[in-house]
Amino acid sequence: MNGKKIKARGLRALIPIKPKTRPKRKKESVYYIEIRKIRQTKEQLKKEIDKKVLKDLTESIRKYGMIQPIFVAKVEKRKKRGINVYYQLVSGQKRLISAKRAGLRVVPAMIKKIAEK
């Protein structure tokens, strides 16, 4: 060897290793939406919801507030005098019913984009 010192760098010097990367998650915002602007379709309505579950959830919301947001889709309908905006419930029917029973006027919601048919 020519008298030069060789610096030991280990296996990483021989085999390049890519750092682990996590897929970037899209940050979603929580909005506070008036309950009166949230609608459900007849197909979404559950026929039977356990009354005890609703009662317990209503009491929990009164005590702690809504911890988990519901999911809605924004719907805009053109009218003669402007645009009518309301929100279609996507998920969280029990939470919405319990929030109404607890007397909330607004609920936390995440707005999802729904593919148009």
N, C-alpha and C. Protein backbone atom coordinates (compact mmCIF):
# COMPACT_ATOMS: atom_id res chain seq x y z
N MET A 1 0.84 -1.18 0.00
CA MET A 1 0.00 0.00 0.00
C MET A 1 0.87 1.23 0.00
N ASN A 2 0.65 2.14 -0.72
CA ASN A 2 1.46 3.33 -0.95
C ASN A 2 1.74 4.18 0.27
N GLY A 3 1.55 3.74 1.40
CA GLY A 3 1.79 4.53 2.59
C GLY A 3 0.61 5.40 2.96
N LYS A 4 -0.46 5.32 2.20
CA LYS A 4 -1.65 6.11 2.54
C LYS A 4 -2.50 5.33 3.53
N LYS A 5 -3.05 6.04 4.45
CA LYS A 5 -3.94 5.41 5.42
C LYS A 5 -5.34 5.28 4.81
N ILE A 6 -5.94 4.15 5.01
CA ILE A 6 -7.31 3.93 4.55
C ILE A 6 -8.22 4.09 5.76
N LYS A 7 -9.18 4.95 5.60
CA LYS A 7 -10.11 5.22 6.68
C LYS A 7 -11.22 4.18 6.65
N ALA A 8 -11.47 3.54 7.77
CA ALA A 8 -12.53 2.53 7.85
C ALA A 8 -13.87 3.25 8.02
N ARG A 9 -14.77 2.98 7.09
CA ARG A 9 -16.08 3.61 7.16
C ARG A 9 -17.21 2.60 7.31
N GLY A 10 -16.92 1.38 7.34
CA GLY A 10 -17.93 0.37 7.55
C GLY A 10 -18.67 -0.01 6.29
N LEU A 11 -19.68 -0.80 6.47
CA LEU A 11 -20.47 -1.35 5.38
C LEU A 11 -21.23 -0.27 4.61
N ARG A 12 -21.64 0.79 5.28
CA ARG A 12 -22.38 1.86 4.62
C ARG A 12 -21.58 2.53 3.51
N ALA A 13 -20.29 2.50 3.62
CA ALA A 13 -19.46 3.09 2.57
C ALA A 13 -19.51 2.25 1.30
N LEU A 14 -19.74 0.98 1.44
CA LEU A 14 -19.78 0.08 0.29
C LEU A 14 -21.18 -0.05 -0.32
N ILE A 15 -22.18 -0.05 0.53
CA ILE A 15 -23.56 -0.23 0.06
C ILE A 15 -24.38 0.98 0.47
N PRO A 16 -24.76 1.80 -0.48
CA PRO A 16 -25.57 2.97 -0.13
C PRO A 16 -26.98 2.53 0.30
N ILE A 17 -27.42 3.05 1.41
CA ILE A 17 -28.74 2.72 1.93
C ILE A 17 -29.59 3.98 1.89
N LYS A 18 -30.75 3.86 1.25
CA LYS A 18 -31.67 4.99 1.19
C LYS A 18 -32.35 5.16 2.54
N PRO A 19 -32.49 6.38 2.99
CA PRO A 19 -33.20 6.58 4.25
C PRO A 19 -34.68 6.24 4.07
N LYS A 20 -35.26 5.71 5.12
CA LYS A 20 -36.68 5.37 5.06
C LYS A 20 -37.49 6.67 5.00
N THR A 21 -38.37 6.71 4.04
CA THR A 21 -39.23 7.88 3.92
C THR A 21 -40.67 7.45 4.07
N ARG A 22 -41.40 8.25 4.78
CA ARG A 22 -42.82 7.99 4.97
C ARG A 22 -43.59 8.73 3.89
N PRO A 23 -44.67 8.15 3.43
CA PRO A 23 -45.48 8.88 2.45
C PRO A 23 -46.04 10.13 3.10
N LYS A 24 -46.06 11.21 2.37
CA LYS A 24 -46.57 12.47 2.92
C LYS A 24 -48.08 12.38 3.06
N ARG A 25 -48.53 12.69 4.26
CA ARG A 25 -49.96 12.69 4.52
C ARG A 25 -50.50 14.09 4.30
N LYS A 26 -51.60 14.15 3.64
CA LYS A 26 -52.24 15.43 3.41
C LYS A 26 -52.89 15.88 4.72
N LYS A 27 -52.56 17.08 5.14
CA LYS A 27 -53.14 17.60 6.36
C LYS A 27 -54.57 18.02 6.08
N GLU A 28 -55.46 17.57 6.95
CA GLU A 28 -56.86 17.90 6.79
C GLU A 28 -57.29 18.77 7.96
N SER A 29 -58.11 19.74 7.67
CA SER A 29 -58.55 20.68 8.69
C SER A 29 -59.91 20.27 9.24
N VAL A 30 -60.14 20.65 10.47
CA VAL A 30 -61.44 20.44 11.10
C VAL A 30 -62.16 21.78 11.11
N TYR A 31 -63.38 21.78 10.62
CA TYR A 31 -64.21 22.98 10.57
C TYR A 31 -65.36 22.83 11.53
N TYR A 32 -65.88 23.94 12.02
CA TYR A 32 -67.06 23.90 12.87
C TYR A 32 -68.24 24.34 12.02
N ILE A 33 -69.17 23.41 11.82
CA ILE A 33 -70.29 23.62 10.91
C ILE A 33 -71.59 23.60 11.71
N GLU A 34 -72.50 24.51 11.34
CA GLU A 34 -73.81 24.55 11.99
C GLU A 34 -74.58 23.26 11.71
N ILE A 35 -75.16 22.71 12.74
CA ILE A 35 -75.90 21.45 12.60
C ILE A 35 -77.04 21.60 11.60
N ARG A 36 -77.68 22.75 11.58
CA ARG A 36 -78.83 22.94 10.69
C ARG A 36 -78.45 22.87 9.21
N LYS A 37 -77.17 22.99 8.89
CA LYS A 37 -76.71 22.93 7.50
C LYS A 37 -76.28 21.53 7.08
N ILE A 38 -76.40 20.55 7.98
CA ILE A 38 -75.98 19.18 7.68
C ILE A 38 -77.22 18.34 7.40
N ARG A 39 -77.20 17.64 6.27
CA ARG A 39 -78.34 16.81 5.87
C ARG A 39 -77.92 15.35 5.71
N GLN A 40 -78.90 14.48 5.86
CA GLN A 40 -78.68 13.05 5.65
C GLN A 40 -79.64 12.57 4.56
N THR A 41 -79.21 11.59 3.82
CA THR A 41 -80.11 11.00 2.83
C THR A 41 -80.88 9.86 3.50
N LYS A 42 -81.99 9.48 2.90
CA LYS A 42 -82.79 8.39 3.46
C LYS A 42 -82.02 7.07 3.45
N GLU A 43 -81.14 6.90 2.46
CA GLU A 43 -80.35 5.68 2.38
C GLU A 43 -79.35 5.59 3.53
N GLN A 44 -78.91 6.73 4.04
CA GLN A 44 -77.91 6.73 5.10
C GLN A 44 -78.50 6.42 6.47
N LEU A 45 -79.76 6.72 6.64
CA LEU A 45 -80.37 6.57 7.96
C LEU A 45 -80.38 5.11 8.38
N LYS A 46 -79.83 4.87 9.54
CA LYS A 46 -79.86 3.51 10.09
C LYS A 46 -81.26 3.27 10.64
N LYS A 47 -81.79 2.11 10.37
CA LYS A 47 -83.16 1.81 10.79
C LYS A 47 -83.26 1.70 12.31
N GLU A 48 -82.30 1.05 12.91
CA GLU A 48 -82.34 0.86 14.36
C GLU A 48 -81.01 1.29 14.97
N ILE A 49 -81.09 2.23 15.90
CA ILE A 49 -79.91 2.64 16.65
C ILE A 49 -80.24 2.39 18.12
N ASP A 50 -79.33 1.72 18.79
CA ASP A 50 -79.52 1.39 20.20
C ASP A 50 -79.71 2.66 21.01
N LYS A 51 -80.86 2.77 21.69
CA LYS A 51 -81.19 3.98 22.46
C LYS A 51 -80.22 4.22 23.60
N LYS A 52 -79.72 3.14 24.20
CA LYS A 52 -78.76 3.29 25.30
C LYS A 52 -77.44 3.86 24.80
N VAL A 53 -77.01 3.42 23.61
CA VAL A 53 -75.78 3.93 23.02
C VAL A 53 -75.92 5.43 22.75
N LEU A 54 -77.07 5.84 22.19
CA LEU A 54 -77.31 7.26 21.94
C LEU A 54 -77.35 8.06 23.23
N LYS A 55 -78.00 7.52 24.24
CA LYS A 55 -78.09 8.21 25.54
C LYS A 55 -76.69 8.40 26.14
N ASP A 56 -75.89 7.33 26.14
CA ASP A 56 -74.53 7.41 26.68
C ASP A 56 -73.67 8.40 25.89
N LEU A 57 -73.79 8.35 24.57
CA LEU A 57 -73.01 9.27 23.72
C LEU A 57 -73.44 10.72 23.94
N THR A 58 -74.75 10.95 24.09
CA THR A 58 -75.26 12.30 24.36
C THR A 58 -74.71 12.83 25.68
N GLU A 59 -74.71 12.00 26.71
CA GLU A 59 -74.17 12.42 28.00
C GLU A 59 -72.67 12.71 27.91
N SER A 60 -71.96 11.89 27.15
CA SER A 60 -70.52 12.10 26.96
C SER A 60 -70.25 13.43 26.24
N ILE A 61 -71.05 13.72 25.22
CA ILE A 61 -70.87 14.97 24.48
C ILE A 61 -71.18 16.17 25.37
N ARG A 62 -72.21 16.05 26.20
CA ARG A 62 -72.52 17.15 27.14
C ARG A 62 -71.36 17.39 28.10
N LYS A 63 -70.74 16.30 28.54
CA LYS A 63 -69.68 16.40 29.54
C LYS A 63 -68.34 16.83 28.94
N TYR A 64 -67.95 16.20 27.82
CA TYR A 64 -66.61 16.41 27.25
C TYR A 64 -66.59 17.16 25.92
N GLY A 65 -67.74 17.31 25.29
CA GLY A 65 -67.78 17.89 23.95
C GLY A 65 -67.55 16.80 22.92
N MET A 66 -67.60 17.17 21.66
CA MET A 66 -67.36 16.18 20.60
C MET A 66 -65.87 16.06 20.39
N ILE A 67 -65.35 14.89 20.66
CA ILE A 67 -63.91 14.65 20.56
C ILE A 67 -63.52 14.28 19.14
N GLN A 68 -64.36 13.50 18.47
CA GLN A 68 -64.06 13.05 17.12
C GLN A 68 -64.99 13.76 16.14
N PRO A 69 -64.45 14.36 15.07
CA PRO A 69 -65.31 15.06 14.12
C PRO A 69 -66.11 14.09 13.25
N ILE A 70 -67.20 14.61 12.69
CA ILE A 70 -67.95 13.85 11.70
C ILE A 70 -67.37 14.16 10.33
N PHE A 71 -67.78 13.41 9.31
CA PHE A 71 -67.30 13.65 7.95
C PHE A 71 -68.49 14.05 7.09
N VAL A 72 -68.29 15.14 6.33
CA VAL A 72 -69.34 15.66 5.46
C VAL A 72 -68.77 15.97 4.08
N ALA A 73 -69.67 16.12 3.12
CA ALA A 73 -69.30 16.57 1.78
C ALA A 73 -70.04 17.87 1.53
N LYS A 74 -69.35 18.84 0.96
CA LYS A 74 -69.95 20.13 0.67
C LYS A 74 -70.77 20.05 -0.61
N VAL A 75 -72.00 20.56 -0.56
CA VAL A 75 -72.89 20.56 -1.72
C VAL A 75 -73.29 22.00 -2.02
N GLU A 76 -73.10 22.41 -3.27
CA GLU A 76 -73.48 23.76 -3.69
C GLU A 76 -74.54 23.66 -4.77
N LYS A 77 -75.68 24.32 -4.54
CA LYS A 77 -76.76 24.33 -5.52
C LYS A 77 -77.00 25.77 -5.96
N ARG A 78 -76.99 25.97 -7.28
CA ARG A 78 -77.24 27.31 -7.82
C ARG A 78 -78.72 27.63 -7.75
N LYS A 79 -79.02 28.82 -7.30
CA LYS A 79 -80.38 29.35 -7.22
C LYS A 79 -80.44 30.65 -8.01
N LYS A 80 -81.61 31.19 -8.17
CA LYS A 80 -81.75 32.45 -8.90
C LYS A 80 -80.99 33.58 -8.21
N ARG A 81 -80.95 33.54 -6.90
CA ARG A 81 -80.33 34.63 -6.14
C ARG A 81 -79.00 34.24 -5.52
N GLY A 82 -78.28 33.31 -6.10
CA GLY A 82 -76.97 32.95 -5.57
C GLY A 82 -76.80 31.46 -5.45
N ILE A 83 -75.95 31.07 -4.52
CA ILE A 83 -75.63 29.66 -4.32
C ILE A 83 -76.08 29.23 -2.93
N ASN A 84 -76.79 28.12 -2.87
CA ASN A 84 -77.22 27.53 -1.61
C ASN A 84 -76.19 26.46 -1.23
N VAL A 85 -75.60 26.60 -0.05
CA VAL A 85 -74.57 25.65 0.40
C VAL A 85 -75.09 24.87 1.61
N TYR A 86 -74.95 23.55 1.53
CA TYR A 86 -75.23 22.70 2.68
C TYR A 86 -74.22 21.56 2.67
N TYR A 87 -74.26 20.73 3.68
CA TYR A 87 -73.30 19.64 3.82
C TYR A 87 -74.03 18.31 3.92
N GLN A 88 -73.56 17.34 3.16
CA GLN A 88 -74.14 16.00 3.15
C GLN A 88 -73.33 15.13 4.12
N LEU A 89 -74.01 14.50 5.06
CA LEU A 89 -73.32 13.64 6.03
C LEU A 89 -72.72 12.43 5.32
N VAL A 90 -71.45 12.17 5.57
CA VAL A 90 -70.77 11.00 5.01
C VAL A 90 -70.66 9.92 6.08
N SER A 91 -70.19 10.30 7.27
CA SER A 91 -70.15 9.35 8.39
C SER A 91 -70.23 10.11 9.70
N GLY A 92 -70.77 9.42 10.71
CA GLY A 92 -70.90 10.03 12.03
C GLY A 92 -72.34 10.29 12.42
N GLN A 93 -73.25 9.44 11.94
CA GLN A 93 -74.67 9.65 12.19
C GLN A 93 -75.00 9.67 13.69
N LYS A 94 -74.46 8.72 14.44
CA LYS A 94 -74.76 8.67 15.88
C LYS A 94 -74.23 9.92 16.59
N ARG A 95 -73.03 10.35 16.19
CA ARG A 95 -72.46 11.55 16.81
C ARG A 95 -73.31 12.78 16.50
N LEU A 96 -73.81 12.87 15.25
CA LEU A 96 -74.63 14.01 14.86
C LEU A 96 -75.95 14.02 15.64
N ILE A 97 -76.60 12.88 15.74
CA ILE A 97 -77.86 12.78 16.49
C ILE A 97 -77.62 13.13 17.96
N SER A 98 -76.56 12.61 18.53
CA SER A 98 -76.25 12.88 19.94
C SER A 98 -75.91 14.34 20.17
N ALA A 99 -75.21 14.95 19.21
CA ALA A 99 -74.88 16.37 19.33
C ALA A 99 -76.14 17.23 19.31
N LYS A 100 -77.11 16.86 18.45
CA LYS A 100 -78.40 17.57 18.42
C LYS A 100 -79.10 17.43 19.77
N ARG A 101 -79.10 16.22 20.30
CA ARG A 101 -79.76 15.97 21.60
C ARG A 101 -79.06 16.70 22.73
N ALA A 102 -77.74 16.86 22.62
CA ALA A 102 -76.97 17.56 23.66
C ALA A 102 -77.14 19.08 23.56
N GLY A 103 -77.77 19.54 22.48
CA GLY A 103 -78.04 20.97 22.33
C GLY A 103 -76.93 21.75 21.65
N LEU A 104 -76.01 21.07 20.97
CA LEU A 104 -74.95 21.78 20.26
C LEU A 104 -75.51 22.47 19.02
N ARG A 105 -74.99 23.62 18.71
CA ARG A 105 -75.40 24.34 17.49
C ARG A 105 -74.41 24.12 16.36
N VAL A 106 -73.15 23.87 16.73
CA VAL A 106 -72.12 23.59 15.72
C VAL A 106 -71.39 22.31 16.13
N VAL A 107 -70.87 21.61 15.12
CA VAL A 107 -70.14 20.37 15.38
C VAL A 107 -68.83 20.40 14.59
N PRO A 108 -67.79 19.75 15.12
CA PRO A 108 -66.54 19.65 14.36
C PRO A 108 -66.74 18.67 13.21
N ALA A 109 -66.26 19.06 12.03
CA ALA A 109 -66.43 18.22 10.85
C ALA A 109 -65.23 18.34 9.93
N MET A 110 -64.95 17.26 9.24
CA MET A 110 -63.92 17.26 8.20
C MET A 110 -64.66 17.16 6.87
N ILE A 111 -64.29 18.02 5.95
CA ILE A 111 -64.96 18.05 4.65
C ILE A 111 -64.21 17.16 3.69
N LYS A 112 -64.92 16.17 3.15
CA LYS A 112 -64.34 15.22 2.19
C LYS A 112 -64.85 15.55 0.80
N LYS A 113 -63.97 15.34 -0.18
CA LYS A 113 -64.40 15.51 -1.55
C LYS A 113 -64.92 14.17 -2.05
N ILE A 114 -66.09 14.21 -2.62
CA ILE A 114 -66.73 13.01 -3.13
C ILE A 114 -66.67 13.06 -4.65
N ALA A 115 -66.30 11.96 -5.28
CA ALA A 115 -66.25 11.92 -6.73
C ALA A 115 -67.67 12.03 -7.28
N GLU A 116 -67.83 12.92 -8.25
CA GLU A 116 -69.15 13.12 -8.84
C GLU A 116 -69.46 12.00 -9.80
N LYS A 117 -70.74 11.63 -9.86
CA LYS A 117 -71.17 10.52 -10.72
C LYS A 117 -71.46 10.99 -12.11
